[in-house]
Amino acid sequence: MNNIRFSDKLSQLRKKHNLSVTSAAKSYGISFKMLYLLEGGKCSPRINTLKKICRYYDVSVSELLKDVAL
């Protein structure tokens, strides 16, 4: 199992979908600052934030967190 930091996985997922930080934050329904902090590893997401991100990508929370180092 390859463990990856949540911040790196979130950044990679956003880039894979060709989204800027600003457009991704708007699409997720969170602030630019929150996404910036999450991708920078400066904070951990609350469950509501995880759900918003998952809703955008149409994945479950467990799928999003798969292989994420806890």
PDB file of N, CA and C in Angstrom:
ATOM      1  N   MET A   1       0.837  -1.180   0.000  1.00  0.00           N
ATOM      2  CA  MET A   1       0.000   0.000   0.000  1.00  0.00           C
ATOM      3  C   MET A   1       0.883   1.245   0.000  1.00  0.00           C
ATOM      4  N   ASN A   2       0.664   2.132  -0.945  1.00  0.00           N
ATOM      5  CA  ASN A   2       1.402   3.387  -1.003  1.00  0.00           C
ATOM      6  C   ASN A   2       0.658   4.432  -0.206  1.00  0.00           C
ATOM      7  N   ASN A   3       1.300   4.969   0.804  1.00  0.00           N
ATOM      8  CA  ASN A   3       0.668   6.014   1.596  1.00  0.00           C
ATOM      9  C   ASN A   3       1.047   7.377   1.029  1.00  0.00           C
ATOM     10  N   ILE A   4       0.058   8.218   0.891  1.00  0.00           N
ATOM     11  CA  ILE A   4       0.243   9.564   0.372  1.00  0.00           C
ATOM     12  C   ILE A   4      -0.415  10.526   1.355  1.00  0.00           C
ATOM     13  N   ARG A   5       0.125  11.717   1.452  1.00  0.00           N
ATOM     14  CA  ARG A   5      -0.495  12.719   2.321  1.00  0.00           C
ATOM     15  C   ARG A   5      -1.788  13.201   1.663  1.00  0.00           C
ATOM     16  N   PHE A   6      -2.783  13.505   2.491  1.00  0.00           N
ATOM     17  CA  PHE A   6      -4.051  13.998   1.962  1.00  0.00           C
ATOM     18  C   PHE A   6      -3.832  15.254   1.121  1.00  0.00           C
ATOM     19  N   SER A   7      -2.980  16.129   1.587  1.00  0.00           N
ATOM     20  CA  SER A   7      -2.727  17.377   0.859  1.00  0.00           C
ATOM     21  C   SER A   7      -2.213  17.094  -0.550  1.00  0.00           C
ATOM     22  N   ASP A   8      -1.319  16.126  -0.687  1.00  0.00           N
ATOM     23  CA  ASP A   8      -0.782  15.779  -2.004  1.00  0.00           C
ATOM     24  C   ASP A   8      -1.847  15.127  -2.888  1.00  0.00           C
ATOM     25  N   LYS A   9      -2.648  14.255  -2.293  1.00  0.00           N
ATOM     26  CA  LYS A   9      -3.686  13.576  -3.068  1.00  0.00           C
ATOM     27  C   LYS A   9      -4.709  14.581  -3.581  1.00  0.00           C
ATOM     28  N   LEU A  10      -5.103  15.518  -2.732  1.00  0.00           N
ATOM     29  CA  LEU A  10      -6.082  16.524  -3.129  1.00  0.00           C
ATOM     30  C   LEU A  10      -5.529  17.394  -4.255  1.00  0.00           C
ATOM     31  N   SER A  11      -4.291  17.796  -4.137  1.00  0.00           N
ATOM     32  CA  SER A  11      -3.652  18.613  -5.162  1.00  0.00           C
ATOM     33  C   SER A  11      -3.555  17.848  -6.481  1.00  0.00           C
ATOM     34  N   GLN A  12      -3.155  16.595  -6.418  1.00  0.00           N
ATOM     35  CA  GLN A  12      -3.035  15.777  -7.626  1.00  0.00           C
ATOM     36  C   GLN A  12      -4.392  15.580  -8.300  1.00  0.00           C
ATOM     37  N   LEU A  13      -5.417  15.357  -7.501  1.00  0.00           N
ATOM     38  CA  LEU A  13      -6.762  15.152  -8.040  1.00  0.00           C
ATOM     39  C   LEU A  13      -7.255  16.418  -8.735  1.00  0.00           C
ATOM     40  N   ARG A  14      -7.021  17.560  -8.117  1.00  0.00           N
ATOM     41  CA  ARG A  14      -7.420  18.838  -8.714  1.00  0.00           C
ATOM     42  C   ARG A  14      -6.693  19.062 -10.041  1.00  0.00           C
ATOM     43  N   LYS A  15      -5.399  18.823 -10.047  1.00  0.00           N
ATOM     44  CA  LYS A  15      -4.608  19.022 -11.269  1.00  0.00           C
ATOM     45  C   LYS A  15      -4.990  18.034 -12.364  1.00  0.00           C
ATOM     46  N   LYS A  16      -5.318  16.817 -11.977  1.00  0.00           N
ATOM     47  CA  LYS A  16      -5.744  15.790 -12.936  1.00  0.00           C
ATOM     48  C   LYS A  16      -6.999  16.241 -13.684  1.00  0.00           C
ATOM     49  N   HIS A  17      -7.831  17.013 -12.997  1.00  0.00           N
ATOM     50  CA  HIS A  17      -9.061  17.520 -13.605  1.00  0.00           C
ATOM     51  C   HIS A  17      -8.892  18.942 -14.166  1.00  0.00           C
ATOM     52  N   ASN A  18      -7.639  19.378 -14.282  1.00  0.00           N
ATOM     53  CA  ASN A  18      -7.304  20.679 -14.872  1.00  0.00           C
ATOM     54  C   ASN A  18      -8.038  21.843 -14.209  1.00  0.00           C
ATOM     55  N   LEU A  19      -8.069  21.819 -12.876  1.00  0.00           N
ATOM     56  CA  LEU A  19      -8.723  22.886 -12.127  1.00  0.00           C
ATOM     57  C   LEU A  19      -7.688  23.766 -11.443  1.00  0.00           C
ATOM     58  N   SER A  20      -7.905  25.055 -11.475  1.00  0.00           N
ATOM     59  CA  SER A  20      -7.071  25.956 -10.675  1.00  0.00           C
ATOM     60  C   SER A  20      -7.553  25.874  -9.233  1.00  0.00           C
ATOM     61  N   VAL A  21      -6.775  26.398  -8.317  1.00  0.00           N
ATOM     62  CA  VAL A  21      -7.185  26.395  -6.917  1.00  0.00           C
ATOM     63  C   VAL A  21      -8.483  27.192  -6.763  1.00  0.00           C
ATOM     64  N   THR A  22      -8.562  28.313  -7.427  1.00  0.00           N
ATOM     65  CA  THR A  22      -9.754  29.164  -7.332  1.00  0.00           C
ATOM     66  C   THR A  22     -10.991  28.461  -7.867  1.00  0.00           C
ATOM     67  N   SER A  23     -10.880  27.888  -9.062  1.00  0.00           N
ATOM     68  CA  SER A  23     -12.050  27.229  -9.648  1.00  0.00           C
ATOM     69  C   SER A  23     -12.430  25.970  -8.880  1.00  0.00           C
ATOM     70  N   ALA A  24     -11.444  25.246  -8.365  1.00  0.00           N
ATOM     71  CA  ALA A  24     -11.733  24.052  -7.580  1.00  0.00           C
ATOM     72  C   ALA A  24     -12.461  24.430  -6.298  1.00  0.00           C
ATOM     73  N   ALA A  25     -11.990  25.450  -5.618  1.00  0.00           N
ATOM     74  CA  ALA A  25     -12.629  25.888  -4.375  1.00  0.00           C
ATOM     75  C   ALA A  25     -14.083  26.264  -4.632  1.00  0.00           C
ATOM     76  N   LYS A  26     -14.338  27.012  -5.700  1.00  0.00           N
ATOM     77  CA  LYS A  26     -15.714  27.380  -6.044  1.00  0.00           C
ATOM     78  C   LYS A  26     -16.545  26.144  -6.355  1.00  0.00           C
ATOM     79  N   SER A  27     -15.974  25.213  -7.105  1.00  0.00           N
ATOM     80  CA  SER A  27     -16.693  23.987  -7.465  1.00  0.00           C
ATOM     81  C   SER A  27     -16.993  23.124  -6.243  1.00  0.00           C
ATOM     82  N   TYR A  28     -16.060  23.075  -5.301  1.00  0.00           N
ATOM     83  CA  TYR A  28     -16.257  22.282  -4.093  1.00  0.00           C
ATOM     84  C   TYR A  28     -17.230  22.954  -3.132  1.00  0.00           C
ATOM     85  N   GLY A  29     -17.347  24.291  -3.230  1.00  0.00           N
ATOM     86  CA  GLY A  29     -18.175  25.034  -2.293  1.00  0.00           C
ATOM     87  C   GLY A  29     -17.445  25.391  -1.008  1.00  0.00           C
ATOM     88  N   ILE A  30     -16.123  25.587  -1.145  1.00  0.00           N
ATOM     89  CA  ILE A  30     -15.309  25.995   0.003  1.00  0.00           C
ATOM     90  C   ILE A  30     -14.518  27.235  -0.392  1.00  0.00           C
ATOM     91  N   SER A  31     -13.919  27.886   0.581  1.00  0.00           N
ATOM     92  CA  SER A  31     -13.154  29.090   0.282  1.00  0.00           C
ATOM     93  C   SER A  31     -11.800  28.748  -0.345  1.00  0.00           C
ATOM     94  N   PHE A  32     -11.276  29.721  -1.091  1.00  0.00           N
ATOM     95  CA  PHE A  32      -9.940  29.585  -1.668  1.00  0.00           C
ATOM     96  C   PHE A  32      -8.928  29.328  -0.550  1.00  0.00           C
ATOM     97  N   LYS A  33      -9.048  30.097   0.539  1.00  0.00           N
ATOM     98  CA  LYS A  33      -8.100  29.962   1.646  1.00  0.00           C
ATOM     99  C   LYS A  33      -8.133  28.557   2.245  1.00  0.00           C
ATOM    100  N   MET A  34      -9.329  27.988   2.397  1.00  0.00           N
ATOM    101  CA  MET A  34      -9.440  26.640   2.953  1.00  0.00           C
ATOM    102  C   MET A  34      -8.735  25.636   2.047  1.00  0.00           C
ATOM    103  N   LEU A  35      -8.971  25.714   0.749  1.00  0.00           N
ATOM    104  CA  LEU A  35      -8.331  24.783  -0.176  1.00  0.00           C
ATOM    105  C   LEU A  35      -6.817  24.978  -0.179  1.00  0.00           C
ATOM    106  N   TYR A  36      -6.385  26.216  -0.146  1.00  0.00           N
ATOM    107  CA  TYR A  36      -4.953  26.532  -0.082  1.00  0.00           C
ATOM    108  C   TYR A  36      -4.326  25.889   1.163  1.00  0.00           C
ATOM    109  N   LEU A  37      -4.991  25.998   2.298  1.00  0.00           N
ATOM    110  CA  LEU A  37      -4.483  25.406   3.543  1.00  0.00           C
ATOM    111  C   LEU A  37      -4.499  23.880   3.485  1.00  0.00           C
ATOM    112  N   LEU A  38      -5.547  23.306   2.923  1.00  0.00           N
ATOM    113  CA  LEU A  38      -5.639  21.851   2.808  1.00  0.00           C
ATOM    114  C   LEU A  38      -4.539  21.298   1.909  1.00  0.00           C
ATOM    115  N   GLU A  39      -4.353  21.921   0.753  1.00  0.00           N
ATOM    116  CA  GLU A  39      -3.321  21.444  -0.179  1.00  0.00           C
ATOM    117  C   GLU A  39      -1.916  21.703   0.344  1.00  0.00           C
ATOM    118  N   GLY A  40      -1.781  22.681   1.203  1.00  0.00           N
ATOM    119  CA  GLY A  40      -0.477  22.973   1.794  1.00  0.00           C
ATOM    120  C   GLY A  40      -0.183  22.128   3.023  1.00  0.00           C
ATOM    121  N   GLY A  41      -1.149  21.307   3.427  1.00  0.00           N
ATOM    122  CA  GLY A  41      -0.955  20.460   4.600  1.00  0.00           C
ATOM    123  C   GLY A  41      -0.994  21.229   5.907  1.00  0.00           C
ATOM    124  N   LYS A  42      -1.565  22.428   5.873  1.00  0.00           N
ATOM    125  CA  LYS A  42      -1.599  23.294   7.060  1.00  0.00           C
ATOM    126  C   LYS A  42      -2.794  23.013   7.967  1.00  0.00           C
ATOM    127  N   CYS A  43      -3.783  22.282   7.446  1.00  0.00           N
ATOM    128  CA  CYS A  43      -4.936  21.921   8.264  1.00  0.00           C
ATOM    129  C   CYS A  43      -5.536  20.629   7.730  1.00  0.00           C
ATOM    130  N   SER A  44      -6.377  20.036   8.522  1.00  0.00           N
ATOM    131  CA  SER A  44      -7.084  18.817   8.129  1.00  0.00           C
ATOM    132  C   SER A  44      -8.531  19.172   7.826  1.00  0.00           C
ATOM    133  N   PRO A  45      -9.128  18.479   6.871  1.00  0.00           N
ATOM    134  CA  PRO A  45     -10.503  18.816   6.505  1.00  0.00           C
ATOM    135  C   PRO A  45     -11.514  18.311   7.531  1.00  0.00           C
ATOM    136  N   ARG A  46     -12.564  19.073   7.699  1.00  0.00           N
ATOM    137  CA  ARG A  46     -13.702  18.605   8.488  1.00  0.00           C
ATOM    138  C   ARG A  46     -14.512  17.672   7.598  1.00  0.00           C
ATOM    139  N   ILE A  47     -15.351  16.885   8.214  1.00  0.00           N
ATOM    140  CA  ILE A  47     -16.142  15.907   7.453  1.00  0.00           C
ATOM    141  C   ILE A  47     -17.020  16.603   6.411  1.00  0.00           C
ATOM    142  N   ASN A  48     -17.580  17.760   6.740  1.00  0.00           N
ATOM    143  CA  ASN A  48     -18.413  18.481   5.768  1.00  0.00           C
ATOM    144  C   ASN A  48     -17.611  18.896   4.547  1.00  0.00           C
ATOM    145  N   THR A  49     -16.370  19.292   4.757  1.00  0.00           N
ATOM    146  CA  THR A  49     -15.495  19.670   3.645  1.00  0.00           C
ATOM    147  C   THR A  49     -15.173  18.451   2.792  1.00  0.00           C
ATOM    148  N   LEU A  50     -14.880  17.328   3.431  1.00  0.00           N
ATOM    149  CA  LEU A  50     -14.628  16.088   2.691  1.00  0.00           C
ATOM    150  C   LEU A  50     -15.827  15.716   1.831  1.00  0.00           C
ATOM    151  N   LYS A  51     -17.009  15.837   2.412  1.00  0.00           N
ATOM    152  CA  LYS A  51     -18.225  15.485   1.674  1.00  0.00           C
ATOM    153  C   LYS A  51     -18.421  16.384   0.460  1.00  0.00           C
ATOM    154  N   LYS A  52     -18.114  17.664   0.587  1.00  0.00           N
ATOM    155  CA  LYS A  52     -18.240  18.584  -0.541  1.00  0.00           C
ATOM    156  C   LYS A  52     -17.286  18.204  -1.664  1.00  0.00           C
ATOM    157  N   ILE A  53     -16.064  17.877  -1.305  1.00  0.00           N
ATOM    158  CA  ILE A  53     -15.072  17.479  -2.309  1.00  0.00           C
ATOM    159  C   ILE A  53     -15.496  16.177  -2.968  1.00  0.00           C
ATOM    160  N   CYS A  54     -15.966  15.233  -2.182  1.00  0.00           N
ATOM    161  CA  CYS A  54     -16.412  13.940  -2.713  1.00  0.00           C
ATOM    162  C   CYS A  54     -17.614  14.098  -3.638  1.00  0.00           C
ATOM    163  N   ARG A  55     -18.519  14.982  -3.272  1.00  0.00           N
ATOM    164  CA  ARG A  55     -19.700  15.229  -4.095  1.00  0.00           C
ATOM    165  C   ARG A  55     -19.276  15.735  -5.473  1.00  0.00           C
ATOM    166  N   TYR A  56     -18.297  16.619  -5.503  1.00  0.00           N
ATOM    167  CA  TYR A  56     -17.835  17.160  -6.782  1.00  0.00           C
ATOM    168  C   TYR A  56     -17.255  16.057  -7.669  1.00  0.00           C
ATOM    169  N   TYR A  57     -16.433  15.182  -7.095  1.00  0.00           N
ATOM    170  CA  TYR A  57     -15.782  14.131  -7.874  1.00  0.00           C
ATOM    171  C   TYR A  57     -16.613  12.854  -7.972  1.00  0.00           C
ATOM    172  N   ASP A  58     -17.776  12.842  -7.321  1.00  0.00           N
ATOM    173  CA  ASP A  58     -18.672  11.682  -7.322  1.00  0.00           C
ATOM    174  C   ASP A  58     -17.962  10.419  -6.816  1.00  0.00           C
ATOM    175  N   VAL A  59     -17.289  10.574  -5.662  1.00  0.00           N
ATOM    176  CA  VAL A  59     -16.630   9.450  -4.997  1.00  0.00           C
ATOM    177  C   VAL A  59     -17.038   9.449  -3.527  1.00  0.00           C
ATOM    178  N   SER A  60     -16.856   8.314  -2.872  1.00  0.00           N
ATOM    179  CA  SER A  60     -17.144   8.230  -1.441  1.00  0.00           C
ATOM    180  C   SER A  60     -15.958   8.774  -0.657  1.00  0.00           C
ATOM    181  N   VAL A  61     -16.216   9.077   0.604  1.00  0.00           N
ATOM    182  CA  VAL A  61     -15.127   9.548   1.472  1.00  0.00           C
ATOM    183  C   VAL A  61     -14.050   8.473   1.573  1.00  0.00           C
ATOM    184  N   SER A  62     -14.462   7.213   1.670  1.00  0.00           N
ATOM    185  CA  SER A  62     -13.467   6.135   1.771  1.00  0.00           C
ATOM    186  C   SER A  62     -12.619   6.041   0.504  1.00  0.00           C
ATOM    187  N   GLU A  63     -13.232   6.276  -0.657  1.00  0.00           N
ATOM    188  CA  GLU A  63     -12.452   6.282  -1.905  1.00  0.00           C
ATOM    189  C   GLU A  63     -11.458   7.442  -1.920  1.00  0.00           C
ATOM    190  N   LEU A  64     -11.898   8.602  -1.478  1.00  0.00           N
ATOM    191  CA  LEU A  64     -11.015   9.769  -1.454  1.00  0.00           C
ATOM    192  C   LEU A  64      -9.846   9.544  -0.500  1.00  0.00           C
ATOM    193  N   LEU A  65     -10.110   8.892   0.615  1.00  0.00           N
ATOM    194  CA  LEU A  65      -9.068   8.695   1.624  1.00  0.00           C
ATOM    195  C   LEU A  65      -8.253   7.413   1.430  1.00  0.00           C
ATOM    196  N   LYS A  66      -8.579   6.641   0.394  1.00  0.00           N
ATOM    197  CA  LYS A  66      -7.843   5.412   0.128  1.00  0.00           C
ATOM    198  C   LYS A  66      -6.366   5.736  -0.085  1.00  0.00           C
ATOM    199  N   ASP A  67      -5.506   5.002   0.583  1.00  0.00           N
ATOM    200  CA  ASP A  67      -4.042   5.136   0.507  1.00  0.00           C
ATOM    201  C   ASP A  67      -3.521   6.428   1.112  1.00  0.00           C
ATOM    202  N   VAL A  68      -4.354   7.157   1.834  1.00  0.00           N
ATOM    203  CA  VAL A  68      -3.915   8.380   2.508  1.00  0.00           C
ATOM    204  C   VAL A  68      -3.330   8.016   3.857  1.00  0.00           C
ATOM    205  N   ALA A  69      -2.151   8.529   4.131  1.00  0.00           N
ATOM    206  CA  ALA A  69      -1.490   8.291   5.423  1.00  0.00           C
ATOM    207  C   ALA A  69      -2.266   9.051   6.493  1.00  0.00           C
ATOM    208  N   LEU A  70      -2.656   8.352   7.523  1.00  0.00           N
ATOM    209  CA  LEU A  70      -3.403   8.989   8.618  1.00  0.00           C
ATOM    210  C   LEU A  70      -2.539   9.204   9.808  1.00  0.00           C
TER     211      LEU A  70
END
